[in-house]
Amino acid sequence: MTTTDQIDHATRFGEQRVAEEEKARLVRDVFDSVASRYDLMNDLMSAGVHRLWKREMVELVARDVGKGRVVDVAGGTGDIAFRLLERGFTVEIVDINASMLAVGRDRAYDRALTDGLTWTCGDAEALPLPSSSVDAYTIAFGIRNVTHLDTALTEARRVLRPGGRFSCLEFGHVVLPQLAEVYERYSDSVLPRLGELVTGDRESYQYLVESIRRFPQQERFAAMVGEAGMVHVATRNLSGGIAALTTAWRL
C-alpha cells in the first residue's frame, strides 16, 4: 500500500516539489555531475568514517550469508562491490548512472579485478535480474535517491532467494540531541561549500543535504522494509544516527 510519506518522497527533489516522472532524470543529472569526484567527496564529507560504515555492512553480509551472489544496487563506483569480492562473493553492480559505472569499471581495471564482477546499467525499481536469483541485496547511500521507495523495496525482495539477506546503508536522522545540532550546522554550511570547492557543483551537494533531511526516519524506513514483505527487520544506528544500517531476510 502506498502511503503519504512515499508519495511525498516520489515528488521531492530535495526541498523542491517536482513531477514524479522528472525526479529520476534530475537525480541522474546530479550523479553525472559528481561521478568523477564522488568517492573523494565521501572521504572529505565524512572524514573517512563512511569506510567504517561500509565495512560493517559487508562484514555482516559475509557473516550471515557466507558466500554466493550479491546484487549491489546504486553501487556504480565499486566501493561496496570490491569489499564483497574480497570476501568471496560474486557481485553484479546495478546502477542507473552510466557515468558512475564508468568510474567503477576504471577502478576495477586499475586493480586488475576482472573476475567476479558484472556491471549493469539498470534501475533499482526494475532490476534486470530474474526473481529469486541472488543470495544478498546490498545498497549503500542509494535508496533515498529512488523515486518510489515501495517499488525499489519490492524489487529487492523479488530478486532475493528464499533465505536471502537484505542490507541497506543510508544516512539517518541523528538520535543524539547535541550531535544533531552540530551535524545540522555542518550539513547546511560546510557540505555545499565543500562540494563547490572540490567538484565545482554546489547545487548537487545542496540536493544531497536536502535529500538526507527529507528521507524517512529510521523506524519508518524499517517499517517500509517490512511492508515490502521482508522479515526480521532490524536497524542499527551508526555514529549516533548519522548513518543507519537496516537489515532483513526474505523467507
C-alpha atoms as a PDB file:
ATOM      1  CA  MET A   1       0.000   0.000   0.000  1.00  0.00           C
ATOM      2  CA  THR A   2       1.352   3.409  -0.995  1.00  0.00           C
ATOM      3  CA  THR A   3       1.462   5.773   1.973  1.00  0.00           C
ATOM      4  CA  THR A   4       1.524   9.549   2.259  1.00  0.00           C
ATOM      5  CA  ASP A   5       5.245   9.652   3.027  1.00  0.00           C
ATOM      6  CA  GLN A   6       6.020   7.516  -0.042  1.00  0.00           C
ATOM      7  CA  ILE A   7       4.003   9.866  -2.239  1.00  0.00           C
ATOM      8  CA  ASP A   8       5.837  12.836  -0.751  1.00  0.00           C
ATOM      9  CA  HIS A   9       9.197  11.157  -1.383  1.00  0.00           C
ATOM     10  CA  ALA A  10       8.276  10.486  -5.013  1.00  0.00           C
ATOM     11  CA  THR A  11       7.602  14.155  -5.667  1.00  0.00           C
ATOM     12  CA  ARG A  12      10.529  15.637  -3.753  1.00  0.00           C
ATOM     13  CA  PHE A  13      13.878  16.618  -5.222  1.00  0.00           C
ATOM     14  CA  GLY A  14      15.475  17.831  -2.041  1.00  0.00           C
ATOM     15  CA  GLU A  15      13.236  20.670  -0.877  1.00  0.00           C
ATOM     16  CA  GLN A  16      11.781  21.200  -4.333  1.00  0.00           C
ATOM     17  CA  ARG A  17       8.447  19.734  -5.357  1.00  0.00           C
ATOM     18  CA  VAL A  18       8.739  18.048  -8.781  1.00  0.00           C
ATOM     19  CA  ALA A  19       6.686  15.770 -11.015  1.00  0.00           C
ATOM     20  CA  GLU A  20       7.277  12.066 -10.371  1.00  0.00           C
ATOM     21  CA  GLU A  21       8.338  11.499 -13.970  1.00  0.00           C
ATOM     22  CA  GLU A  22      11.008  14.205 -13.660  1.00  0.00           C
ATOM     23  CA  LYS A  23      12.672  13.072 -10.436  1.00  0.00           C
ATOM     24  CA  ALA A  24      14.769  10.218 -11.849  1.00  0.00           C
ATOM     25  CA  ARG A  25      16.254  12.484 -14.525  1.00  0.00           C
ATOM     26  CA  LEU A  26      17.092  15.194 -12.003  1.00  0.00           C
ATOM     27  CA  VAL A  27      18.799  12.691  -9.694  1.00  0.00           C
ATOM     28  CA  ARG A  28      20.683  11.189 -12.640  1.00  0.00           C
ATOM     29  CA  ASP A  29      21.952  14.659 -13.558  1.00  0.00           C
ATOM     30  CA  VAL A  30      23.299  15.097 -10.005  1.00  0.00           C
ATOM     31  CA  PHE A  31      25.361  11.920 -10.151  1.00  0.00           C
ATOM     32  CA  ASP A  32      26.506  12.538 -13.710  1.00  0.00           C
ATOM     33  CA  SER A  33      27.910  15.814 -12.416  1.00  0.00           C
ATOM     34  CA  VAL A  34      29.732  14.417  -9.363  1.00  0.00           C
ATOM     35  CA  ALA A  35      30.755  10.922 -10.550  1.00  0.00           C
ATOM     36  CA  SER A  36      34.463  11.586 -11.034  1.00  0.00           C
ATOM     37  CA  ARG A  37      34.853  13.045  -7.520  1.00  0.00           C
ATOM     38  CA  TYR A  38      32.154  11.041  -5.757  1.00  0.00           C
ATOM     39  CA  ASP A  39      34.423   8.808  -3.658  1.00  0.00           C
ATOM     40  CA  LEU A  40      36.796  11.657  -2.839  1.00  0.00           C
ATOM     41  CA  MET A  41      33.858  13.723  -1.614  1.00  0.00           C
ATOM     42  CA  ASN A  42      32.644  10.822   0.546  1.00  0.00           C
ATOM     43  CA  ASP A  43      36.038  10.754   2.246  1.00  0.00           C
ATOM     44  CA  LEU A  44      36.078  14.511   2.758  1.00  0.00           C
ATOM     45  CA  MET A  45      32.454  14.815   3.923  1.00  0.00           C
ATOM     46  CA  SER A  46      32.705  12.015   6.484  1.00  0.00           C
ATOM     47  CA  ALA A  47      36.409  12.319   7.370  1.00  0.00           C
ATOM     48  CA  GLY A  48      36.710   8.750   6.101  1.00  0.00           C
ATOM     49  CA  VAL A  49      34.129   7.349   8.519  1.00  0.00           C
ATOM     50  CA  HIS A  50      31.951   6.103   5.617  1.00  0.00           C
ATOM     51  CA  ARG A  51      34.593   3.394   5.109  1.00  0.00           C
ATOM     52  CA  LEU A  52      33.919   2.052   8.611  1.00  0.00           C
ATOM     53  CA  TRP A  53      30.164   2.040   7.982  1.00  0.00           C
ATOM     54  CA  LYS A  54      30.619   0.175   4.693  1.00  0.00           C
ATOM     55  CA  ARG A  55      32.992  -2.314   6.283  1.00  0.00           C
ATOM     56  CA  GLU A  56      30.419  -3.078   8.963  1.00  0.00           C
ATOM     57  CA  MET A  57      27.742  -3.718   6.343  1.00  0.00           C
ATOM     58  CA  VAL A  58      29.967  -6.028   4.313  1.00  0.00           C
ATOM     59  CA  GLU A  59      31.117  -7.918   7.403  1.00  0.00           C
ATOM     60  CA  LEU A  60      27.513  -8.574   8.404  1.00  0.00           C
ATOM     61  CA  VAL A  61      26.683  -9.838   4.910  1.00  0.00           C
ATOM     62  CA  ALA A  62      29.707 -12.118   4.973  1.00  0.00           C
ATOM     63  CA  ARG A  63      28.798 -13.421   8.434  1.00  0.00           C
ATOM     64  CA  ASP A  64      25.142 -14.034   7.625  1.00  0.00           C
ATOM     65  CA  VAL A  65      25.405 -15.283   4.043  1.00  0.00           C
ATOM     66  CA  GLY A  66      28.891 -16.766   3.785  1.00  0.00           C
ATOM     67  CA  LYS A  67      29.447 -16.772   0.046  1.00  0.00           C
ATOM     68  CA  GLY A  68      27.283 -16.528  -3.027  1.00  0.00           C
ATOM     69  CA  ARG A  69      25.888 -13.998  -5.472  1.00  0.00           C
ATOM     70  CA  VAL A  70      25.141 -10.417  -4.471  1.00  0.00           C
ATOM     71  CA  VAL A  71      23.428  -7.611  -6.339  1.00  0.00           C
ATOM     72  CA  ASP A  72      24.851  -4.270  -5.233  1.00  0.00           C
ATOM     73  CA  VAL A  73      22.361  -1.602  -6.249  1.00  0.00           C
ATOM     74  CA  ALA A  74      23.417   2.021  -6.829  1.00  0.00           C
ATOM     75  CA  GLY A  75      26.995   0.877  -6.331  1.00  0.00           C
ATOM     76  CA  GLY A  76      28.457   2.201  -9.558  1.00  0.00           C
ATOM     77  CA  THR A  77      31.894   3.231  -8.273  1.00  0.00           C
ATOM     78  CA  GLY A  78      32.505  -0.254  -6.885  1.00  0.00           C
ATOM     79  CA  ASP A  79      33.171   0.730  -3.289  1.00  0.00           C
ATOM     80  CA  ILE A  80      30.926  -1.984  -1.823  1.00  0.00           C
ATOM     81  CA  ALA A  81      31.463  -4.492  -4.628  1.00  0.00           C
ATOM     82  CA  PHE A  82      35.245  -4.607  -4.191  1.00  0.00           C
ATOM     83  CA  ARG A  83      34.834  -5.330  -0.484  1.00  0.00           C
ATOM     84  CA  LEU A  84      32.328  -8.106  -1.206  1.00  0.00           C
ATOM     85  CA  LEU A  85      34.626  -9.582  -3.844  1.00  0.00           C
ATOM     86  CA  GLU A  86      37.408  -9.794  -1.268  1.00  0.00           C
ATOM     87  CA  ARG A  87      35.073 -11.836   0.936  1.00  0.00           C
ATOM     88  CA  GLY A  88      34.483 -14.413  -1.796  1.00  0.00           C
ATOM     89  CA  PHE A  89      31.212 -13.176  -3.303  1.00  0.00           C
ATOM     90  CA  THR A  90      30.415 -12.681  -6.959  1.00  0.00           C
ATOM     91  CA  VAL A  91      28.787  -9.298  -7.433  1.00  0.00           C
ATOM     92  CA  GLU A  92      26.518  -7.732 -10.007  1.00  0.00           C
ATOM     93  CA  ILE A  93      26.645  -3.969  -9.718  1.00  0.00           C
ATOM     94  CA  VAL A  94      23.448  -2.303 -10.928  1.00  0.00           C
ATOM     95  CA  ASP A  95      23.398   1.477 -11.219  1.00  0.00           C
ATOM     96  CA  ILE A  96      21.149   3.782 -13.211  1.00  0.00           C
ATOM     97  CA  ASN A  97      24.048   6.173 -13.874  1.00  0.00           C
ATOM     98  CA  ALA A  98      26.367   5.132 -16.697  1.00  0.00           C
ATOM     99  CA  SER A  99      28.907   7.726 -15.562  1.00  0.00           C
ATOM    100  CA  MET A 100      29.145   6.156 -12.094  1.00  0.00           C
ATOM    101  CA  LEU A 101      29.550   2.700 -13.632  1.00  0.00           C
ATOM    102  CA  ALA A 102      32.350   4.019 -15.844  1.00  0.00           C
ATOM    103  CA  VAL A 103      34.212   5.202 -12.744  1.00  0.00           C
ATOM    104  CA  GLY A 104      33.767   1.787 -11.119  1.00  0.00           C
ATOM    105  CA  ARG A 105      34.927  -0.143 -14.171  1.00  0.00           C
ATOM    106  CA  ASP A 106      38.038   2.014 -14.424  1.00  0.00           C
ATOM    107  CA  ARG A 107      38.801   1.399 -10.767  1.00  0.00           C
ATOM    108  CA  ALA A 108      38.334  -2.348 -11.277  1.00  0.00           C
ATOM    109  CA  TYR A 109      40.691  -2.375 -14.270  1.00  0.00           C
ATOM    110  CA  ASP A 110      43.277  -0.401 -12.294  1.00  0.00           C
ATOM    111  CA  ARG A 111      43.136  -3.114  -9.622  1.00  0.00           C
ATOM    112  CA  ALA A 112      43.155  -5.938 -12.195  1.00  0.00           C
ATOM    113  CA  LEU A 113      39.734  -7.102 -10.952  1.00  0.00           C
ATOM    114  CA  THR A 114      38.195  -8.784 -13.970  1.00  0.00           C
ATOM    115  CA  ASP A 115      36.558 -11.901 -12.485  1.00  0.00           C
ATOM    116  CA  GLY A 116      33.534 -11.990 -10.232  1.00  0.00           C
ATOM    117  CA  LEU A 117      32.169  -8.553 -11.120  1.00  0.00           C
ATOM    118  CA  THR A 118      29.394  -7.663 -13.564  1.00  0.00           C
ATOM    119  CA  TRP A 119      28.486  -4.060 -14.370  1.00  0.00           C
ATOM    120  CA  THR A 120      24.908  -3.352 -15.436  1.00  0.00           C
ATOM    121  CA  CYS A 121      23.128  -0.090 -16.140  1.00  0.00           C
ATOM    122  CA  GLY A 122      19.712  -0.598 -14.606  1.00  0.00           C
ATOM    123  CA  ASP A 123      17.002   0.844 -12.405  1.00  0.00           C
ATOM    124  CA  ALA A 124      16.506  -0.077  -8.736  1.00  0.00           C
ATOM    125  CA  GLU A 125      12.771  -0.006  -9.417  1.00  0.00           C
ATOM    126  CA  ALA A 126      13.005  -2.571 -12.254  1.00  0.00           C
ATOM    127  CA  LEU A 127      16.094  -4.668 -11.637  1.00  0.00           C
ATOM    128  CA  PRO A 128      17.321  -6.558 -14.724  1.00  0.00           C
ATOM    129  CA  LEU A 129      17.577  -9.823 -12.765  1.00  0.00           C
ATOM    130  CA  PRO A 130      15.433 -12.959 -12.516  1.00  0.00           C
ATOM    131  CA  SER A 131      13.315 -13.499  -9.447  1.00  0.00           C
ATOM    132  CA  SER A 132      14.936 -15.445  -6.589  1.00  0.00           C
ATOM    133  CA  SER A 133      18.372 -15.159  -8.188  1.00  0.00           C
ATOM    134  CA  VAL A 134      20.695 -13.620  -5.558  1.00  0.00           C
ATOM    135  CA  ASP A 135      21.799 -14.550  -2.052  1.00  0.00           C
ATOM    136  CA  ALA A 136      22.111 -10.954  -0.873  1.00  0.00           C
ATOM    137  CA  TYR A 137      20.986  -7.489  -1.877  1.00  0.00           C
ATOM    138  CA  THR A 138      23.088  -4.503  -0.820  1.00  0.00           C
ATOM    139  CA  ILE A 139      22.587  -0.787  -1.342  1.00  0.00           C
ATOM    140  CA  ALA A 140      24.684   1.969   0.230  1.00  0.00           C
ATOM    141  CA  PHE A 141      23.569   5.600   0.176  1.00  0.00           C
ATOM    142  CA  GLY A 142      21.338   4.987  -2.821  1.00  0.00           C
ATOM    143  CA  ILE A 143      17.851   4.120  -1.631  1.00  0.00           C
ATOM    144  CA  ARG A 144      16.920   7.704  -0.783  1.00  0.00           C
ATOM    145  CA  ASN A 145      17.500   8.704  -4.425  1.00  0.00           C
ATOM    146  CA  VAL A 146      14.917   6.366  -5.962  1.00  0.00           C
ATOM    147  CA  THR A 147      11.547   7.811  -6.881  1.00  0.00           C
ATOM    148  CA  HIS A 148       9.308   5.092  -5.448  1.00  0.00           C
ATOM    149  CA  LEU A 149      10.666   3.554  -2.252  1.00  0.00           C
ATOM    150  CA  ASP A 150       7.983   0.873  -2.089  1.00  0.00           C
ATOM    151  CA  THR A 151       8.748  -0.285  -5.641  1.00  0.00           C
ATOM    152  CA  ALA A 152      12.500  -0.458  -5.020  1.00  0.00           C
ATOM    153  CA  LEU A 153      11.992  -2.462  -1.822  1.00  0.00           C
ATOM    154  CA  THR A 154       9.559  -4.835  -3.531  1.00  0.00           C
ATOM    155  CA  GLU A 155      12.173  -5.368  -6.240  1.00  0.00           C
ATOM    156  CA  ALA A 156      14.772  -6.139  -3.588  1.00  0.00           C
ATOM    157  CA  ARG A 157      12.553  -8.872  -2.179  1.00  0.00           C
ATOM    158  CA  ARG A 158      11.750 -10.215  -5.648  1.00  0.00           C
ATOM    159  CA  VAL A 159      15.363 -10.847  -6.664  1.00  0.00           C
ATOM    160  CA  LEU A 160      16.378 -12.370  -3.324  1.00  0.00           C
ATOM    161  CA  ARG A 161      16.276 -16.116  -2.964  1.00  0.00           C
ATOM    162  CA  PRO A 162      14.302 -17.515  -0.017  1.00  0.00           C
ATOM    163  CA  GLY A 163      16.645 -17.048   2.920  1.00  0.00           C
ATOM    164  CA  GLY A 164      18.371 -14.144   1.160  1.00  0.00           C
ATOM    165  CA  ARG A 165      19.748 -11.155   3.040  1.00  0.00           C
ATOM    166  CA  PHE A 166      18.731  -7.521   2.540  1.00  0.00           C
ATOM    167  CA  SER A 167      21.202  -4.873   3.705  1.00  0.00           C
ATOM    168  CA  CYS A 168      20.740  -1.130   3.283  1.00  0.00           C
ATOM    169  CA  LEU A 169      23.193   1.513   4.475  1.00  0.00           C
ATOM    170  CA  GLU A 170      21.774   5.018   4.356  1.00  0.00           C
ATOM    171  CA  PHE A 171      22.103   8.364   6.033  1.00  0.00           C
ATOM    172  CA  GLY A 172      19.784   8.608   9.005  1.00  0.00           C
ATOM    173  CA  HIS A 173      18.370  11.124  11.439  1.00  0.00           C
ATOM    174  CA  VAL A 174      20.723  11.834  14.316  1.00  0.00           C
ATOM    175  CA  VAL A 175      19.405  10.482  17.614  1.00  0.00           C
ATOM    176  CA  LEU A 176      21.725  12.384  19.971  1.00  0.00           C
ATOM    177  CA  PRO A 177      20.390  15.944  20.527  1.00  0.00           C
ATOM    178  CA  GLN A 178      23.756  17.688  20.916  1.00  0.00           C
ATOM    179  CA  LEU A 179      25.229  15.898  17.901  1.00  0.00           C
ATOM    180  CA  ALA A 180      22.107  16.667  15.875  1.00  0.00           C
ATOM    181  CA  GLU A 181      22.604  20.407  16.290  1.00  0.00           C
ATOM    182  CA  VAL A 182      26.274  20.265  15.289  1.00  0.00           C
ATOM    183  CA  TYR A 183      25.561  17.949  12.354  1.00  0.00           C
ATOM    184  CA  GLU A 184      22.769  20.181  11.045  1.00  0.00           C
ATOM    185  CA  ARG A 185      25.034  23.237  11.070  1.00  0.00           C
ATOM    186  CA  TYR A 186      27.775  21.258   9.334  1.00  0.00           C
ATOM    187  CA  SER A 187      25.367  19.956   6.695  1.00  0.00           C
ATOM    188  CA  ASP A 188      23.900  23.373   5.956  1.00  0.00           C
ATOM    189  CA  SER A 189      27.080  25.434   5.880  1.00  0.00           C
ATOM    190  CA  VAL A 190      30.011  23.133   5.109  1.00  0.00           C
ATOM    191  CA  LEU A 191      28.848  20.374   2.769  1.00  0.00           C
ATOM    192  CA  PRO A 192      27.526  22.504  -0.122  1.00  0.00           C
ATOM    193  CA  ARG A 193      30.605  24.739   0.106  1.00  0.00           C
ATOM    194  CA  LEU A 194      32.893  21.704   0.114  1.00  0.00           C
ATOM    195  CA  GLY A 195      31.079  20.333  -2.927  1.00  0.00           C
ATOM    196  CA  GLU A 196      31.599  23.628  -4.716  1.00  0.00           C
ATOM    197  CA  LEU A 197      35.323  23.692  -3.918  1.00  0.00           C
ATOM    198  CA  VAL A 198      36.030  20.071  -4.876  1.00  0.00           C
ATOM    199  CA  THR A 199      33.609  19.442  -7.745  1.00  0.00           C
ATOM    200  CA  GLY A 200      32.548  22.925  -8.807  1.00  0.00           C
ATOM    201  CA  ASP A 201      28.948  21.907  -8.169  1.00  0.00           C
ATOM    202  CA  ARG A 202      27.348  23.414  -5.080  1.00  0.00           C
ATOM    203  CA  GLU A 203      23.792  22.644  -6.202  1.00  0.00           C
ATOM    204  CA  SER A 204      24.295  18.873  -6.321  1.00  0.00           C
ATOM    205  CA  TYR A 205      25.570  18.777  -2.758  1.00  0.00           C
ATOM    206  CA  GLN A 206      22.781  21.075  -1.623  1.00  0.00           C
ATOM    207  CA  TYR A 207      20.402  18.456  -3.042  1.00  0.00           C
ATOM    208  CA  LEU A 208      22.236  15.683  -1.180  1.00  0.00           C
ATOM    209  CA  VAL A 209      21.890  17.552   2.125  1.00  0.00           C
ATOM    210  CA  GLU A 210      18.197  18.147   1.500  1.00  0.00           C
ATOM    211  CA  SER A 211      17.556  14.562   0.385  1.00  0.00           C
ATOM    212  CA  ILE A 212      19.051  13.260   3.627  1.00  0.00           C
ATOM    213  CA  ARG A 213      16.836  15.560   5.666  1.00  0.00           C
ATOM    214  CA  ARG A 214      13.748  14.530   3.708  1.00  0.00           C
ATOM    215  CA  PHE A 215      14.355  10.779   3.942  1.00  0.00           C
ATOM    216  CA  PRO A 216      12.063   8.883   6.362  1.00  0.00           C
ATOM    217  CA  GLN A 217      13.364   8.384   9.877  1.00  0.00           C
ATOM    218  CA  GLN A 218      14.958   5.044  10.688  1.00  0.00           C
ATOM    219  CA  GLU A 219      11.890   3.497  12.326  1.00  0.00           C
ATOM    220  CA  ARG A 220       9.631   4.442   9.439  1.00  0.00           C
ATOM    221  CA  PHE A 221      12.052   3.135   6.816  1.00  0.00           C
ATOM    222  CA  ALA A 222      12.344  -0.160   8.719  1.00  0.00           C
ATOM    223  CA  ALA A 223       8.543  -0.405   8.660  1.00  0.00           C
ATOM    224  CA  MET A 224       8.600   0.109   4.869  1.00  0.00           C
ATOM    225  CA  VAL A 225      11.033  -2.787   4.521  1.00  0.00           C
ATOM    226  CA  GLY A 226       8.591  -4.966   6.447  1.00  0.00           C
ATOM    227  CA  GLU A 227       5.690  -3.724   4.332  1.00  0.00           C
ATOM    228  CA  ALA A 228       7.608  -4.895   1.245  1.00  0.00           C
ATOM    229  CA  GLY A 229       7.375  -8.457   2.562  1.00  0.00           C
ATOM    230  CA  MET A 230      10.699  -8.937   4.318  1.00  0.00           C
ATOM    231  CA  VAL A 231      11.017 -10.235   7.858  1.00  0.00           C
ATOM    232  CA  HIS A 232      13.207  -9.870  10.942  1.00  0.00           C
ATOM    233  CA  VAL A 233      13.860  -6.239  10.056  1.00  0.00           C
ATOM    234  CA  ALA A 234      16.478  -4.574  12.248  1.00  0.00           C
ATOM    235  CA  THR A 235      18.096  -1.144  12.233  1.00  0.00           C
ATOM    236  CA  ARG A 236      21.449  -0.273  13.723  1.00  0.00           C
ATOM    237  CA  ASN A 237      22.352   3.396  14.200  1.00  0.00           C
ATOM    238  CA  LEU A 238      25.920   4.265  13.298  1.00  0.00           C
ATOM    239  CA  SER A 239      27.772   7.325  14.607  1.00  0.00           C
ATOM    240  CA  GLY A 240      24.791   8.458  16.616  1.00  0.00           C
ATOM    241  CA  GLY A 241      22.362   8.000  13.735  1.00  0.00           C
ATOM    242  CA  ILE A 242      24.285   9.971  11.104  1.00  0.00           C
ATOM    243  CA  ALA A 243      24.016   6.705   9.206  1.00  0.00           C
ATOM    244  CA  ALA A 244      21.832   3.664   9.762  1.00  0.00           C
ATOM    245  CA  LEU A 245      22.176   0.043   8.676  1.00  0.00           C
ATOM    246  CA  THR A 246      18.853  -1.679   8.034  1.00  0.00           C
ATOM    247  CA  THR A 247      18.846  -5.433   7.534  1.00  0.00           C
ATOM    248  CA  ALA A 248      16.162  -8.036   6.843  1.00  0.00           C
ATOM    249  CA  TRP A 249      15.588 -11.521   5.456  1.00  0.00           C
ATOM    250  CA  ARG A 250      13.439 -12.868   2.701  1.00  0.00           C
ATOM    251  CA  LEU A 251      11.574 -16.016   3.735  1.00  0.00           C
END
